[in-house]
C-alpha atoms as a PDB file:
ATOM      1  CA  MET A   1       8.341  -6.180  -1.852  1.00  0.00           C
ATOM      2  CA  PHE A   2       4.847  -8.121  -1.632  1.00  0.00           C
ATOM      3  CA  GLN A   3       2.073  -5.705   0.810  1.00  0.00           C
ATOM      4  CA  ARG A   4      -1.428  -6.522   0.861  1.00  0.00           C
ATOM      5  CA  THR A   5      -4.195  -5.975   3.165  1.00  0.00           C
ATOM      6  CA  LYS A   6      -5.776  -9.128   3.871  1.00  0.00           C
ATOM      7  CA  ILE A   7      -9.898  -6.992   3.875  1.00  0.00           C
ATOM      8  CA  CYS A   8      -9.826  -5.165   1.417  1.00  0.00           C
ATOM      9  CA  SER A   9     -13.165  -3.324   1.398  1.00  0.00           C
ATOM     10  CA  GLY A  10     -14.211  -2.254  -1.397  1.00  0.00           C
ATOM     11  CA  LEU A  11     -14.465   1.743  -3.480  1.00  0.00           C
ATOM     12  CA  LEU A  12     -15.576   3.057  -6.536  1.00  0.00           C
ATOM     13  CA  LEU A  13     -14.866   6.263  -8.519  1.00  0.00           C
ATOM     14  CA  ALA A  14     -15.273   7.650 -11.318  1.00  0.00           C
ATOM     15  CA  PHE A  15     -13.290   9.087 -13.970  1.00  0.00           C
ATOM     16  CA  GLY A  16     -14.166  10.779 -17.343  1.00  0.00           C
ATOM     17  CA  GLY A  17     -16.810   8.013 -17.753  1.00  0.00           C
ATOM     18  CA  ALA A  18     -14.666   5.641 -16.773  1.00  0.00           C
ATOM     19  CA  MET A  19     -15.077   3.212 -13.661  1.00  0.00           C
ATOM     20  CA  LEU A  20     -12.815   2.145 -11.878  1.00  0.00           C
ATOM     21  CA  SER A  21     -13.348  -0.287  -8.561  1.00  0.00           C
ATOM     22  CA  ALA A  22     -11.199  -1.260  -6.682  1.00  0.00           C
ATOM     23  CA  ILE A  23      -7.659   0.556  -5.690  1.00  0.00           C
ATOM     24  CA  ASP A  24      -4.943  -1.950  -4.034  1.00  0.00           C
ATOM     25  CA  HIS A  25      -1.437   0.424  -4.000  1.00  0.00           C
ATOM     26  CA  VAL A  26      -0.223   3.733  -5.567  1.00  0.00           C
ATOM     27  CA  GLY A  27       3.410   4.742  -6.259  1.00  0.00           C
ATOM     28  CA  VAL A  28       4.217   7.849  -5.660  1.00  0.00           C
ATOM     29  CA  ALA A  29       8.079   8.691  -6.999  1.00  0.00           C
ATOM     30  CA  VAL A  30       9.538  11.845  -5.754  1.00  0.00           C
ATOM     31  CA  GLU A  31      12.527  12.917  -5.800  1.00  0.00           C
ATOM     32  CA  SER A  32      13.636  12.688  -1.837  1.00  0.00           C
ATOM     33  CA  ILE A  33      12.286   9.782   0.406  1.00  0.00           C
ATOM     34  CA  ASP A  34      13.231  11.334   3.483  1.00  0.00           C
ATOM     35  CA  ASP A  35      11.434  14.298   2.256  1.00  0.00           C
ATOM     36  CA  ALA A  36       8.686  12.563   0.742  1.00  0.00           C
ATOM     37  CA  LEU A  37       8.144  10.583   4.624  1.00  0.00           C
ATOM     38  CA  ALA A  38       8.432  14.132   6.162  1.00  0.00           C
ATOM     39  CA  LEU A  39       5.324  15.131   4.821  1.00  0.00           C
ATOM     40  CA  TYR A  40       3.494  12.181   4.635  1.00  0.00           C
ATOM     41  CA  ARG A  41       4.015   9.694   8.213  1.00  0.00           C
ATOM     42  CA  ASP A  42       5.557  12.881   9.849  1.00  0.00           C
ATOM     43  CA  GLN A  43       2.646  15.904   9.071  1.00  0.00           C
ATOM     44  CA  LEU A  44      -0.316  14.364   7.545  1.00  0.00           C
ATOM     45  CA  GLY A  45       0.854  11.296  10.465  1.00  0.00           C
ATOM     46  CA  MET A  46       1.095   7.533   8.322  1.00  0.00           C
ATOM     47  CA  PRO A  47       1.857   4.791   8.907  1.00  0.00           C
ATOM     48  CA  LEU A  48       5.046   3.900   7.125  1.00  0.00           C
ATOM     49  CA  VAL A  49       4.662   0.652   7.751  1.00  0.00           C
ATOM     50  CA  HIS A  50       7.745  -0.527   5.368  1.00  0.00           C
ATOM     51  CA  ARG A  51      11.133   0.514   3.936  1.00  0.00           C
ATOM     52  CA  GLU A  52      13.518  -0.922   2.045  1.00  0.00           C
ATOM     53  CA  THR A  53      15.432  -0.472  -1.052  1.00  0.00           C
ATOM     54  CA  VAL A  54      14.424  -2.359  -4.704  1.00  0.00           C
ATOM     55  CA  SER A  55      18.024  -3.132  -5.925  1.00  0.00           C
ATOM     56  CA  GLU A  56      16.774  -4.379  -9.680  1.00  0.00           C
ATOM     57  CA  GLN A  57      15.226  -1.057  -9.510  1.00  0.00           C
ATOM     58  CA  GLY A  58      17.316   0.787  -8.502  1.00  0.00           C
ATOM     59  CA  VAL A  59      14.989   2.543  -6.224  1.00  0.00           C
ATOM     60  CA  ASP A  60      14.003   3.306  -2.156  1.00  0.00           C
ATOM     61  CA  ALA A  61      10.590   2.451  -1.999  1.00  0.00           C
ATOM     62  CA  ALA A  62       7.883   2.757   1.279  1.00  0.00           C
ATOM     63  CA  LEU A  63       4.989   1.301   1.607  1.00  0.00           C
ATOM     64  CA  LEU A  64       2.228   4.139   4.192  1.00  0.00           C
ATOM     65  CA  VAL A  65      -1.367   3.549   4.811  1.00  0.00           C
ATOM     66  CA  PHE A  66      -4.002   6.012   3.995  1.00  0.00           C
ATOM     67  CA  ALA A  67      -7.596   4.524   4.758  1.00  0.00           C
ATOM     68  CA  SER A  68     -10.193   5.455   6.525  1.00  0.00           C
ATOM     69  CA  GLU A  69      -9.827   3.004   9.260  1.00  0.00           C
ATOM     70  CA  LEU A  70      -7.237   2.636  11.681  1.00  0.00           C
ATOM     71  CA  TYR A  71      -4.190   1.093  10.948  1.00  0.00           C
ATOM     72  CA  ASP A  72      -3.372  -2.152  12.718  1.00  0.00           C
ATOM     73  CA  PRO A  73      -1.119  -4.167  11.392  1.00  0.00           C
ATOM     74  CA  ASP A  74      -1.236  -7.506  11.610  1.00  0.00           C
ATOM     75  CA  ASP A  75      -4.327  -6.947   8.443  1.00  0.00           C
ATOM     76  CA  TYR A  76      -1.373  -7.527   6.320  1.00  0.00           C
ATOM     77  CA  ILE A  77      -0.738  -9.922   4.316  1.00  0.00           C
ATOM     78  CA  ARG A  78       3.248  -9.516   3.591  1.00  0.00           C
ATOM     79  CA  GLU A  79       4.056 -13.153   2.101  1.00  0.00           C
ATOM     80  CA  TYR A  80       2.986 -14.060  -1.917  1.00  0.00           C
ATOM     81  CA  ASP A  81       2.707 -17.652  -0.976  1.00  0.00           C
ATOM     82  CA  ALA A  82       0.549 -16.899   2.500  1.00  0.00           C
ATOM     83  CA  PHE A  83      -1.243 -13.827  -0.411  1.00  0.00           C
ATOM     84  CA  LEU A  84      -1.671 -16.954  -2.721  1.00  0.00           C
ATOM     85  CA  SER A  85      -3.830 -19.782   0.274  1.00  0.00           C
ATOM     86  CA  ALA A  86      -5.514 -17.263   1.501  1.00  0.00           C
ATOM     87  CA  LEU A  87      -7.143 -16.350  -2.098  1.00  0.00           C
ATOM     88  CA  ARG A  88      -7.538 -19.932  -2.432  1.00  0.00           C
ATOM     89  CA  ALA A  89      -9.107 -20.448   1.642  1.00  0.00           C
ATOM     90  CA  ALA A  90     -11.169 -17.177   0.169  1.00  0.00           C
ATOM     91  CA  ASP A  91     -12.834 -19.179  -3.493  1.00  0.00           C
END
């Protein structure tokens, strides 16, 4: 699975003196993906972008958006080749 926002605004966090300049995604391992979706999607209102079974890892995966701006599905690049093309065009 590949997901990447077309435009990613900066984020600066400090943890115990270490500097973190950006977060692309965060993975959370849960016992039940359905229970997690009930919380994150249904209770907290995080939009579900994509859900799939990753057979080679033996897991179900879900991509939800947690952002300060309204989620726009057109702001996501879902193919790795398209991401590389956008990256080259930005240079």
